[in-house]
């Protein structure tokens, strides 16, 4: 799709053409264009918001998920919580703490 075609699609979407908005969301998702998805989401497209959450999740963009969650996106909040709960750094730090405690006990024995 040429830049002119893309701009025409954006113009149609801005004028309220839901089909154009849907096509822009689809194209942005295929390209991994988070900026376009963010713009469409902020203009009120729930489909763009959903696609943005999905893409941010796929690439591990916790900042974007936090931004969306702070704006009230429950899906982003759920995905963020899931990613943070399953992050290896959280598991490593808790296992390190327990191993440190046991080694401290051994030192005092």
PDB file of N, CA and C in Angstrom:
ATOM      1  N   UNK A   1       0.853  -1.169   0.000  1.00  0.00           N
ATOM      2  CA  UNK A   1       0.000   0.000   0.000  1.00  0.00           C
ATOM      3  C   UNK A   1       0.901   1.234   0.000  1.00  0.00           C
ATOM      4  N   UNK A   2       0.601   2.163  -0.885  1.00  0.00           N
ATOM      5  CA  UNK A   2       1.407   3.375  -0.994  1.00  0.00           C
ATOM      6  C   UNK A   2       1.120   4.314   0.174  1.00  0.00           C
ATOM      7  N   UNK A   3       2.015   5.259   0.368  1.00  0.00           N
ATOM      8  CA  UNK A   3       1.815   6.266   1.414  1.00  0.00           C
ATOM      9  C   UNK A   3       0.547   7.075   1.159  1.00  0.00           C
ATOM     10  N   UNK A   4       0.278   7.357  -0.113  1.00  0.00           N
ATOM     11  CA  UNK A   4      -0.942   8.105  -0.455  1.00  0.00           C
ATOM     12  C   UNK A   4      -2.193   7.313  -0.117  1.00  0.00           C
ATOM     13  N   UNK A   5      -2.177   6.011  -0.413  1.00  0.00           N
ATOM     14  CA  UNK A   5      -3.315   5.148  -0.089  1.00  0.00           C
ATOM     15  C   UNK A   5      -3.523   5.078   1.422  1.00  0.00           C
ATOM     16  N   UNK A   6      -2.418   4.968   2.148  1.00  0.00           N
ATOM     17  CA  UNK A   6      -2.489   4.904   3.606  1.00  0.00           C
ATOM     18  C   UNK A   6      -3.050   6.202   4.176  1.00  0.00           C
ATOM     19  N   UNK A   7      -2.616   7.329   3.624  1.00  0.00           N
ATOM     20  CA  UNK A   7      -3.127   8.619   4.087  1.00  0.00           C
ATOM     21  C   UNK A   7      -4.618   8.762   3.774  1.00  0.00           C
ATOM     22  N   UNK A   8      -5.025   8.292   2.603  1.00  0.00           N
ATOM     23  CA  UNK A   8      -6.452   8.342   2.249  1.00  0.00           C
ATOM     24  C   UNK A   8      -7.273   7.510   3.227  1.00  0.00           C
ATOM     25  N   UNK A   9      -6.730   6.364   3.624  1.00  0.00           N
ATOM     26  CA  UNK A   9      -7.399   5.505   4.599  1.00  0.00           C
ATOM     27  C   UNK A   9      -7.493   6.221   5.949  1.00  0.00           C
ATOM     28  N   UNK A  10      -6.423   6.877   6.347  1.00  0.00           N
ATOM     29  CA  UNK A  10      -6.434   7.636   7.607  1.00  0.00           C
ATOM     30  C   UNK A  10      -7.463   8.755   7.563  1.00  0.00           C
ATOM     31  N   UNK A  11      -7.538   9.435   6.429  1.00  0.00           N
ATOM     32  CA  UNK A  11      -8.516  10.521   6.276  1.00  0.00           C
ATOM     33  C   UNK A  11      -9.939   9.987   6.396  1.00  0.00           C
ATOM     34  N   UNK A  12     -10.201   8.855   5.758  1.00  0.00           N
ATOM     35  CA  UNK A  12     -11.533   8.248   5.844  1.00  0.00           C
ATOM     36  C   UNK A  12     -11.847   7.838   7.275  1.00  0.00           C
ATOM     37  N   UNK A  13     -10.853   7.271   7.946  1.00  0.00           N
ATOM     38  CA  UNK A  13     -11.059   6.852   9.334  1.00  0.00           C
ATOM     39  C   UNK A  13     -11.350   8.067  10.220  1.00  0.00           C
ATOM     40  N   UNK A  14     -10.617   9.141  10.008  1.00  0.00           N
ATOM     41  CA  UNK A  14     -10.824  10.366  10.790  1.00  0.00           C
ATOM     42  C   UNK A  14     -12.210  10.949  10.563  1.00  0.00           C
ATOM     43  N   UNK A  15     -12.768  10.676   9.386  1.00  0.00           N
ATOM     44  CA  UNK A  15     -14.112  11.169   9.065  1.00  0.00           C
ATOM     45  C   UNK A  15     -15.206  10.229   9.582  1.00  0.00           C
ATOM     46  N   UNK A  16     -14.804   9.157  10.275  1.00  0.00           N
ATOM     47  CA  UNK A  16     -15.787   8.259  10.883  1.00  0.00           C
ATOM     48  C   UNK A  16     -16.063   6.980  10.122  1.00  0.00           C
ATOM     49  N   UNK A  17     -15.270   6.667   9.112  1.00  0.00           N
ATOM     50  CA  UNK A  17     -15.455   5.442   8.328  1.00  0.00           C
ATOM     51  C   UNK A  17     -14.895   4.259   9.112  1.00  0.00           C
ATOM     52  N   UNK A  18     -15.797   3.463   9.690  1.00  0.00           N
ATOM     53  CA  UNK A  18     -15.391   2.325  10.516  1.00  0.00           C
ATOM     54  C   UNK A  18     -14.643   1.258   9.724  1.00  0.00           C
ATOM     55  N   UNK A  19     -14.996   1.086   8.450  1.00  0.00           N
ATOM     56  CA  UNK A  19     -14.274   0.118   7.627  1.00  0.00           C
ATOM     57  C   UNK A  19     -12.819   0.549   7.442  1.00  0.00           C
ATOM     58  N   UNK A  20     -12.610   1.844   7.232  1.00  0.00           N
ATOM     59  CA  UNK A  20     -11.252   2.363   7.078  1.00  0.00           C
ATOM     60  C   UNK A  20     -10.467   2.189   8.373  1.00  0.00           C
ATOM     61  N   UNK A  21     -11.126   2.454   9.494  1.00  0.00           N
ATOM     62  CA  UNK A  21     -10.467   2.266  10.792  1.00  0.00           C
ATOM     63  C   UNK A  21     -10.074   0.811  10.981  1.00  0.00           C
ATOM     64  N   UNK A  22     -10.981  -0.092  10.668  1.00  0.00           N
ATOM     65  CA  UNK A  22     -10.682  -1.518  10.790  1.00  0.00           C
ATOM     66  C   UNK A  22      -9.517  -1.941   9.916  1.00  0.00           C
ATOM     67  N   UNK A  23      -9.474  -1.415   8.710  1.00  0.00           N
ATOM     68  CA  UNK A  23      -8.371  -1.734   7.792  1.00  0.00           C
ATOM     69  C   UNK A  23      -7.054  -1.177   8.329  1.00  0.00           C
ATOM     70  N   UNK A  24      -7.083   0.034   8.885  1.00  0.00           N
ATOM     71  CA  UNK A  24      -5.872   0.610   9.473  1.00  0.00           C
ATOM     72  C   UNK A  24      -5.376  -0.222  10.650  1.00  0.00           C
ATOM     73  N   UNK A  25      -6.299  -0.679  11.479  1.00  0.00           N
ATOM     74  CA  UNK A  25      -5.928  -1.532  12.617  1.00  0.00           C
ATOM     75  C   UNK A  25      -5.272  -2.808  12.100  1.00  0.00           C
ATOM     76  N   UNK A  26      -5.881  -3.405  11.096  1.00  0.00           N
ATOM     77  CA  UNK A  26      -5.339  -4.641  10.514  1.00  0.00           C
ATOM     78  C   UNK A  26      -3.928  -4.412   9.971  1.00  0.00           C
ATOM     79  N   UNK A  27      -3.764  -3.350   9.186  1.00  0.00           N
ATOM     80  CA  UNK A  27      -2.458  -3.057   8.596  1.00  0.00           C
ATOM     81  C   UNK A  27      -1.411  -2.747   9.664  1.00  0.00           C
ATOM     82  N   UNK A  28      -1.799  -1.968  10.665  1.00  0.00           N
ATOM     83  CA  UNK A  28      -0.870  -1.617  11.740  1.00  0.00           C
ATOM     84  C   UNK A  28      -0.456  -2.858  12.520  1.00  0.00           C
ATOM     85  N   UNK A  29      -1.400  -3.757  12.747  1.00  0.00           N
ATOM     86  CA  UNK A  29      -1.075  -4.999  13.437  1.00  0.00           C
ATOM     87  C   UNK A  29      -0.097  -5.849  12.647  1.00  0.00           C
ATOM     88  N   UNK A  30      -0.311  -5.931  11.347  1.00  0.00           N
ATOM     89  CA  UNK A  30       0.590  -6.706  10.486  1.00  0.00           C
ATOM     90  C   UNK A  30       1.995  -6.113  10.479  1.00  0.00           C
ATOM     91  N   UNK A  31       2.079  -4.792  10.507  1.00  0.00           N
ATOM     92  CA  UNK A  31       3.379  -4.115  10.480  1.00  0.00           C
ATOM     93  C   UNK A  31       4.011  -4.011  11.860  1.00  0.00           C
ATOM     94  N   UNK A  32       3.240  -4.298  12.898  1.00  0.00           N
ATOM     95  CA  UNK A  32       3.741  -4.112  14.257  1.00  0.00           C
ATOM     96  C   UNK A  32       3.907  -2.640  14.592  1.00  0.00           C
ATOM     97  N   UNK A  33       3.039  -1.812  14.023  1.00  0.00           N
ATOM     98  CA  UNK A  33       3.124  -0.361  14.169  1.00  0.00           C
ATOM     99  C   UNK A  33       2.367   0.084  15.420  1.00  0.00           C
ATOM    100  N   UNK A  34       3.079   0.123  16.533  1.00  0.00           N
ATOM    101  CA  UNK A  34       2.454   0.489  17.795  1.00  0.00           C
ATOM    102  C   UNK A  34       2.013   1.951  17.806  1.00  0.00           C
ATOM    103  N   UNK A  35       2.734   2.811  17.118  1.00  0.00           N
ATOM    104  CA  UNK A  35       2.340   4.225  17.083  1.00  0.00           C
ATOM    105  C   UNK A  35       0.984   4.407  16.413  1.00  0.00           C
ATOM    106  N   UNK A  36       0.783   3.718  15.285  1.00  0.00           N
ATOM    107  CA  UNK A  36      -0.511   3.809  14.585  1.00  0.00           C
ATOM    108  C   UNK A  36      -1.622   3.223  15.450  1.00  0.00           C
ATOM    109  N   UNK A  37      -1.347   2.090  16.075  1.00  0.00           N
ATOM    110  CA  UNK A  37      -2.348   1.472  16.943  1.00  0.00           C
ATOM    111  C   UNK A  37      -2.667   2.371  18.130  1.00  0.00           C
ATOM    112  N   UNK A  38      -1.646   2.989  18.687  1.00  0.00           N
ATOM    113  CA  UNK A  38      -1.864   3.901  19.818  1.00  0.00           C
ATOM    114  C   UNK A  38      -2.744   5.075  19.390  1.00  0.00           C
ATOM    115  N   UNK A  39      -2.438   5.644  18.230  1.00  0.00           N
ATOM    116  CA  UNK A  39      -3.220   6.779  17.717  1.00  0.00           C
ATOM    117  C   UNK A  39      -4.683   6.384  17.507  1.00  0.00           C
ATOM    118  N   UNK A  40      -4.899   5.223  16.896  1.00  0.00           N
ATOM    119  CA  UNK A  40      -6.260   4.753  16.648  1.00  0.00           C
ATOM    120  C   UNK A  40      -6.987   4.427  17.948  1.00  0.00           C
ATOM    121  N   UNK A  41      -6.267   3.847  18.884  1.00  0.00           N
ATOM    122  CA  UNK A  41      -6.848   3.528  20.186  1.00  0.00           C
ATOM    123  C   UNK A  41      -7.280   4.794  20.907  1.00  0.00           C
ATOM    124  N   UNK A  42      -6.413   5.797  20.888  1.00  0.00           N
ATOM    125  CA  UNK A  42      -6.738   7.061  21.559  1.00  0.00           C
ATOM    126  C   UNK A  42      -7.877   7.796  20.872  1.00  0.00           C
ATOM    127  N   UNK A  43      -8.106   7.466  19.595  1.00  0.00           N
ATOM    128  CA  UNK A  43      -9.243   8.061  18.871  1.00  0.00           C
ATOM    129  C   UNK A  43     -10.530   7.285  19.139  1.00  0.00           C
ATOM    130  N   UNK A  44     -10.436   6.209  19.923  1.00  0.00           N
ATOM    131  CA  UNK A  44     -11.632   5.494  20.332  1.00  0.00           C
ATOM    132  C   UNK A  44     -11.831   4.109  19.757  1.00  0.00           C
ATOM    133  N   UNK A  45     -10.869   3.587  19.014  1.00  0.00           N
ATOM    134  CA  UNK A  45     -11.016   2.259  18.434  1.00  0.00           C
ATOM    135  C   UNK A  45     -10.676   1.172  19.455  1.00  0.00           C
ATOM    136  N   UNK A  46     -11.700   0.430  19.861  1.00  0.00           N
ATOM    137  CA  UNK A  46     -11.490  -0.685  20.788  1.00  0.00           C
ATOM    138  C   UNK A  46     -10.667  -1.784  20.129  1.00  0.00           C
ATOM    139  N   UNK A  47     -10.861  -1.986  18.828  1.00  0.00           N
ATOM    140  CA  UNK A  47     -10.074  -2.994  18.114  1.00  0.00           C
ATOM    141  C   UNK A  47      -8.589  -2.636  18.120  1.00  0.00           C
ATOM    142  N   UNK A  48      -8.284  -1.351  17.958  1.00  0.00           N
ATOM    143  CA  UNK A  48      -6.887  -0.909  18.000  1.00  0.00           C
ATOM    144  C   UNK A  48      -6.306  -1.123  19.390  1.00  0.00           C
ATOM    145  N   UNK A  49      -7.096  -0.847  20.418  1.00  0.00           N
ATOM    146  CA  UNK A  49      -6.632  -1.057  21.792  1.00  0.00           C
ATOM    147  C   UNK A  49      -6.342  -2.529  22.033  1.00  0.00           C
ATOM    148  N   UNK A  50      -7.237  -3.398  21.559  1.00  0.00           N
ATOM    149  CA  UNK A  50      -7.025  -4.845  21.710  1.00  0.00           C
ATOM    150  C   UNK A  50      -5.760  -5.290  20.995  1.00  0.00           C
ATOM    151  N   UNK A  51      -5.571  -4.798  19.777  1.00  0.00           N
ATOM    152  CA  UNK A  51      -4.397  -5.160  18.990  1.00  0.00           C
ATOM    153  C   UNK A  51      -3.129  -4.627  19.654  1.00  0.00           C
ATOM    154  N   UNK A  52      -3.213  -3.445  20.223  1.00  0.00           N
ATOM    155  CA  UNK A  52      -2.071  -2.842  20.903  1.00  0.00           C
ATOM    156  C   UNK A  52      -1.676  -3.657  22.134  1.00  0.00           C
ATOM    157  N   UNK A  53      -2.650  -4.101  22.898  1.00  0.00           N
ATOM    158  CA  UNK A  53      -2.370  -4.960  24.059  1.00  0.00           C
ATOM    159  C   UNK A  53      -1.699  -6.242  23.595  1.00  0.00           C
ATOM    160  N   UNK A  54      -2.228  -6.840  22.548  1.00  0.00           N
ATOM    161  CA  UNK A  54      -1.669  -8.084  22.029  1.00  0.00           C
ATOM    162  C   UNK A  54      -0.227  -7.892  21.562  1.00  0.00           C
ATOM    163  N   UNK A  55       0.012  -6.840  20.806  1.00  0.00           N
ATOM    164  CA  UNK A  55       1.351  -6.582  20.289  1.00  0.00           C
ATOM    165  C   UNK A  55       2.326  -6.255  21.421  1.00  0.00           C
ATOM    166  N   UNK A  56       1.917  -5.425  22.349  1.00  0.00           N
ATOM    167  CA  UNK A  56       2.779  -5.083  23.486  1.00  0.00           C
ATOM    168  C   UNK A  56       3.122  -6.332  24.290  1.00  0.00           C
ATOM    169  N   UNK A  57       2.164  -7.213  24.440  1.00  0.00           N
ATOM    170  CA  UNK A  57       2.394  -8.475  25.144  1.00  0.00           C
ATOM    171  C   UNK A  57       3.397  -9.340  24.404  1.00  0.00           C
ATOM    172  N   UNK A  58       3.230  -9.439  23.082  1.00  0.00           N
ATOM    173  CA  UNK A  58       4.127 -10.268  22.268  1.00  0.00           C
ATOM    174  C   UNK A  58       5.565  -9.797  22.334  1.00  0.00           C
ATOM    175  N   UNK A  59       5.769  -8.491  22.331  1.00  0.00           N
ATOM    176  CA  UNK A  59       7.133  -7.957  22.326  1.00  0.00           C
ATOM    177  C   UNK A  59       7.643  -7.654  23.740  1.00  0.00           C
ATOM    178  N   UNK A  60       6.812  -7.899  24.744  1.00  0.00           N
ATOM    179  CA  UNK A  60       7.223  -7.676  26.133  1.00  0.00           C
ATOM    180  C   UNK A  60       7.373  -6.211  26.496  1.00  0.00           C
ATOM    181  N   UNK A  61       6.556  -5.352  25.903  1.00  0.00           N
ATOM    182  CA  UNK A  61       6.621  -3.915  26.176  1.00  0.00           C
ATOM    183  C   UNK A  61       5.802  -3.592  27.428  1.00  0.00           C
ATOM    184  N   UNK A  62       6.450  -3.766  28.577  1.00  0.00           N
ATOM    185  CA  UNK A  62       5.763  -3.548  29.851  1.00  0.00           C
ATOM    186  C   UNK A  62       5.373  -2.091  30.044  1.00  0.00           C
ATOM    187  N   UNK A  63       6.173  -1.171  29.524  1.00  0.00           N
ATOM    188  CA  UNK A  63       5.829   0.252  29.652  1.00  0.00           C
ATOM    189  C   UNK A  63       4.520   0.569  28.934  1.00  0.00           C
ATOM    190  N   UNK A  64       4.352   0.013  27.734  1.00  0.00           N
ATOM    191  CA  UNK A  64       3.106   0.246  26.997  1.00  0.00           C
ATOM    192  C   UNK A  64       1.933  -0.386  27.729  1.00  0.00           C
ATOM    193  N   UNK A  65       2.116  -1.578  28.247  1.00  0.00           N
ATOM    194  CA  UNK A  65       1.049  -2.228  29.003  1.00  0.00           C
ATOM    195  C   UNK A  65       0.701  -1.427  30.255  1.00  0.00           C
ATOM    196  N   UNK A  66       1.718  -0.894  30.924  1.00  0.00           N
ATOM    197  CA  UNK A  66       1.461  -0.049  32.101  1.00  0.00           C
ATOM    198  C   UNK A  66       0.679   1.204  31.700  1.00  0.00           C
ATOM    199  N   UNK A  67       1.073   1.819  30.583  1.00  0.00           N
ATOM    200  CA  UNK A  67       0.393   3.027  30.114  1.00  0.00           C
ATOM    201  C   UNK A  67      -1.079   2.732  29.829  1.00  0.00           C
ATOM    202  N   UNK A  68      -1.326   1.629  29.144  1.00  0.00           N
ATOM    203  CA  UNK A  68      -2.703   1.252  28.822  1.00  0.00           C
ATOM    204  C   UNK A  68      -3.495   0.914  30.083  1.00  0.00           C
ATOM    205  N   UNK A  69      -2.872   0.190  30.996  1.00  0.00           N
ATOM    206  CA  UNK A  69      -3.546  -0.170  32.251  1.00  0.00           C
ATOM    207  C   UNK A  69      -3.878   1.086  33.052  1.00  0.00           C
ATOM    208  N   UNK A  70      -2.978   2.046  33.074  1.00  0.00           N
ATOM    209  CA  UNK A  70      -3.216   3.290  33.800  1.00  0.00           C
ATOM    210  C   UNK A  70      -4.374   4.080  33.197  1.00  0.00           C
ATOM    211  N   UNK A  71      -4.621   3.876  31.914  1.00  0.00           N
ATOM    212  CA  UNK A  71      -5.749   4.545  31.239  1.00  0.00           C
ATOM    213  C   UNK A  71      -7.045   3.762  31.402  1.00  0.00           C
ATOM    214  N   UNK A  72      -6.994   2.652  32.152  1.00  0.00           N
ATOM    215  CA  UNK A  72      -8.198   1.897  32.446  1.00  0.00           C
ATOM    216  C   UNK A  72      -8.426   0.668  31.587  1.00  0.00           C
ATOM    217  N   UNK A  73      -7.442   0.267  30.786  1.00  0.00           N
ATOM    218  CA  UNK A  73      -7.599  -0.915  29.941  1.00  0.00           C
ATOM    219  C   UNK A  73      -7.398  -2.162  30.801  1.00  0.00           C
ATOM    220  N   UNK A  74      -8.485  -2.854  31.055  1.00  0.00           N
ATOM    221  CA  UNK A  74      -8.443  -4.031  31.935  1.00  0.00           C
ATOM    222  C   UNK A  74      -7.663  -5.187  31.327  1.00  0.00           C
ATOM    223  N   UNK A  75      -7.745  -5.336  30.007  1.00  0.00           N
ATOM    224  CA  UNK A  75      -6.977  -6.401  29.354  1.00  0.00           C
ATOM    225  C   UNK A  75      -5.484  -6.165  29.533  1.00  0.00           C
ATOM    226  N   UNK A  76      -5.053  -4.927  29.373  1.00  0.00           N
ATOM    227  CA  UNK A  76      -3.640  -4.599  29.555  1.00  0.00           C
ATOM    228  C   UNK A  76      -3.221  -4.867  30.996  1.00  0.00           C
ATOM    229  N   UNK A  77      -4.067  -4.515  31.946  1.00  0.00           N
ATOM    230  CA  UNK A  77      -3.759  -4.754  33.355  1.00  0.00           C
ATOM    231  C   UNK A  77      -3.627  -6.244  33.637  1.00  0.00           C
ATOM    232  N   UNK A  78      -4.515  -7.037  33.060  1.00  0.00           N
ATOM    233  CA  UNK A  78      -4.459  -8.485  33.273  1.00  0.00           C
ATOM    234  C   UNK A  78      -3.211  -9.095  32.653  1.00  0.00           C
ATOM    235  N   UNK A  79      -2.888  -8.679  31.431  1.00  0.00           N
ATOM    236  CA  UNK A  79      -1.696  -9.201  30.758  1.00  0.00           C
ATOM    237  C   UNK A  79      -0.446  -8.774  31.523  1.00  0.00           C
ATOM    238  N   UNK A  80      -0.405  -7.533  31.955  1.00  0.00           N
ATOM    239  CA  UNK A  80       0.734  -7.024  32.707  1.00  0.00           C
ATOM    240  C   UNK A  80       0.919  -7.825  33.990  1.00  0.00           C
ATOM    241  N   UNK A  81      -0.155  -8.047  34.694  1.00  0.00           N
ATOM    242  CA  UNK A  81      -0.088  -8.831  35.932  1.00  0.00           C
ATOM    243  C   UNK A  81       0.426 -10.240  35.657  1.00  0.00           C
ATOM    244  N   UNK A  82      -0.082 -10.834  34.595  1.00  0.00           N
ATOM    245  CA  UNK A  82       0.351 -12.189  34.233  1.00  0.00           C
ATOM    246  C   UNK A  82       1.833 -12.222  33.888  1.00  0.00           C
ATOM    247  N   UNK A  83       2.289 -11.249  33.106  1.00  0.00           N
ATOM    248  CA  UNK A  83       3.702 -11.195  32.723  1.00  0.00           C
ATOM    249  C   UNK A  83       4.601 -10.970  33.933  1.00  0.00           C
ATOM    250  N   UNK A  84       4.184 -10.095  34.825  1.00  0.00           N
ATOM    251  CA  UNK A  84       4.993  -9.811  36.007  1.00  0.00           C
ATOM    252  C   UNK A  84       5.019 -10.995  36.961  1.00  0.00           C
ATOM    253  N   UNK A  85       3.896 -11.699  37.078  1.00  0.00           N
ATOM    254  CA  UNK A  85       3.837 -12.866  37.955  1.00  0.00           C
ATOM    255  C   UNK A  85       4.701 -14.002  37.447  1.00  0.00           C
ATOM    256  N   UNK A  86       4.856 -14.084  36.122  1.00  0.00           N
ATOM    257  CA  UNK A  86       5.616 -15.206  35.555  1.00  0.00           C
ATOM    258  C   UNK A  86       7.035 -14.821  35.160  1.00  0.00           C
ATOM    259  N   UNK A  87       7.452 -13.588  35.502  1.00  0.00           N
ATOM    260  CA  UNK A  87       8.785 -13.161  35.083  1.00  0.00           C
ATOM    261  C   UNK A  87       9.847 -13.929  35.855  1.00  0.00           C
ATOM    262  N   UNK A  88      10.894 -14.373  35.162  1.00  0.00           N
ATOM    263  CA  UNK A  88      11.962 -15.140  35.811  1.00  0.00           C
ATOM    264  C   UNK A  88      12.683 -14.340  36.880  1.00  0.00           C
ATOM    265  N   UNK A  89      12.779 -13.034  36.732  1.00  0.00           N
ATOM    266  CA  UNK A  89      13.491 -12.232  37.727  1.00  0.00           C
ATOM    267  C   UNK A  89      12.773 -12.283  39.075  1.00  0.00           C
ATOM    268  N   UNK A  90      11.442 -12.307  39.054  1.00  0.00           N
ATOM    269  CA  UNK A  90      10.698 -12.395  40.313  1.00  0.00           C
ATOM    270  C   UNK A  90      10.925 -13.749  40.967  1.00  0.00           C
ATOM    271  N   UNK A  91      10.921 -14.804  40.161  1.00  0.00           N
ATOM    272  CA  UNK A  91      11.153 -16.144  40.698  1.00  0.00           C
ATOM    273  C   UNK A  91      12.581 -16.278  41.196  1.00  0.00           C
ATOM    274  N   UNK A  92      13.540 -15.726  40.460  1.00  0.00           N
ATOM    275  CA  UNK A  92      14.944 -15.815  40.857  1.00  0.00           C
ATOM    276  C   UNK A  92      15.189 -15.099  42.173  1.00  0.00           C
ATOM    277  N   UNK A  93      14.610 -13.928  42.338  1.00  0.00           N
ATOM    278  CA  UNK A  93      14.866 -13.170  43.559  1.00  0.00           C
ATOM    279  C   UNK A  93      14.265 -13.861  44.769  1.00  0.00           C
ATOM    280  N   UNK A  94      13.101 -14.497  44.605  1.00  0.00           N
ATOM    281  CA  UNK A  94      12.519 -15.184  45.752  1.00  0.00           C
ATOM    282  C   UNK A  94      13.292 -16.443  46.078  1.00  0.00           C
ATOM    283  N   UNK A  95      13.804 -17.146  45.067  1.00  0.00           N
ATOM    284  CA  UNK A  95      14.587 -18.349  45.351  1.00  0.00           C
ATOM    285  C   UNK A  95      15.951 -17.975  45.895  1.00  0.00           C
ATOM    286  N   UNK A  96      16.500 -16.831  45.442  1.00  0.00           N
ATOM    287  CA  UNK A  96      17.780 -16.378  45.981  1.00  0.00           C
ATOM    288  C   UNK A  96      17.643 -16.047  47.452  1.00  0.00           C
ATOM    289  N   UNK A  97      16.526 -15.415  47.820  1.00  0.00           N
ATOM    290  CA  UNK A  97      16.311 -15.055  49.213  1.00  0.00           C
ATOM    291  C   UNK A  97      16.248 -16.293  50.085  1.00  0.00           C
ATOM    292  N   UNK A  98      15.556 -17.320  49.644  1.00  0.00           N
ATOM    293  CA  UNK A  98      15.426 -18.510  50.462  1.00  0.00           C
ATOM    294  C   UNK A  98      16.751 -19.242  50.559  1.00  0.00           C
ATOM    295  N   UNK A  99      17.539 -19.246  49.479  1.00  0.00           N
ATOM    296  CA  UNK A  99      18.832 -19.924  49.546  1.00  0.00           C
ATOM    297  C   UNK A  99      19.794 -19.124  50.416  1.00  0.00           C
ATOM    298  N   UNK A 100      19.666 -17.792  50.405  1.00  0.00           N
ATOM    299  CA  UNK A 100      20.506 -16.973  51.255  1.00  0.00           C
ATOM    300  C   UNK A 100      20.190 -17.239  52.718  1.00  0.00           C
ATOM    301  N   UNK A 101      18.898 -17.408  53.034  1.00  0.00           N
ATOM    302  CA  UNK A 101      18.508 -17.669  54.408  1.00  0.00           C
ATOM    303  C   UNK A 101      19.095 -18.981  54.895  1.00  0.00           C
ATOM    304  N   UNK A 102      19.051 -20.008  54.056  1.00  0.00           N
ATOM    305  CA  UNK A 102      19.555 -21.309  54.486  1.00  0.00           C
ATOM    306  C   UNK A 102      21.066 -21.275  54.631  1.00  0.00           C
ATOM    307  N   UNK A 103      21.755 -20.525  53.790  1.00  0.00           N
ATOM    308  CA  UNK A 103      23.211 -20.460  53.909  1.00  0.00           C
ATOM    309  C   UNK A 103      23.598 -19.677  55.155  1.00  0.00           C
ATOM    310  N   UNK A 104      22.779 -18.668  55.511  1.00  0.00           N
ATOM    311  CA  UNK A 104      23.040 -17.922  56.735  1.00  0.00           C
ATOM    312  C   UNK A 104      22.887 -18.823  57.946  1.00  0.00           C
ATOM    313  N   UNK A 105      21.875 -19.695  57.914  1.00  0.00           N
ATOM    314  CA  UNK A 105      21.663 -20.614  59.029  1.00  0.00           C
ATOM    315  C   UNK A 105      22.849 -21.551  59.154  1.00  0.00           C
ATOM    316  N   UNK A 106      23.392 -22.009  58.016  1.00  0.00           N
ATOM    317  CA  UNK A 106      24.532 -22.902  58.060  1.00  0.00           C
ATOM    318  C   UNK A 106      25.743 -22.212  58.676  1.00  0.00           C
ATOM    319  N   UNK A 107      25.909 -20.923  58.404  1.00  0.00           N
ATOM    320  CA  UNK A 107      27.045 -20.196  58.938  1.00  0.00           C
ATOM    321  C   UNK A 107      26.960 -20.088  60.460  1.00  0.00           C
ATOM    322  N   UNK A 108      25.754 -20.066  60.999  1.00  0.00           N
ATOM    323  CA  UNK A 108      25.594 -19.908  62.449  1.00  0.00           C
ATOM    324  C   UNK A 108      25.637 -21.235  63.176  1.00  0.00           C
ATOM    325  N   UNK A 109      25.588 -22.345  62.497  1.00  0.00           N
ATOM    326  CA  UNK A 109      25.540 -23.656  63.139  1.00  0.00           C
ATOM    327  C   UNK A 109      26.832 -24.015  63.787  1.00  0.00           C
TER     328      UNK A 109
END
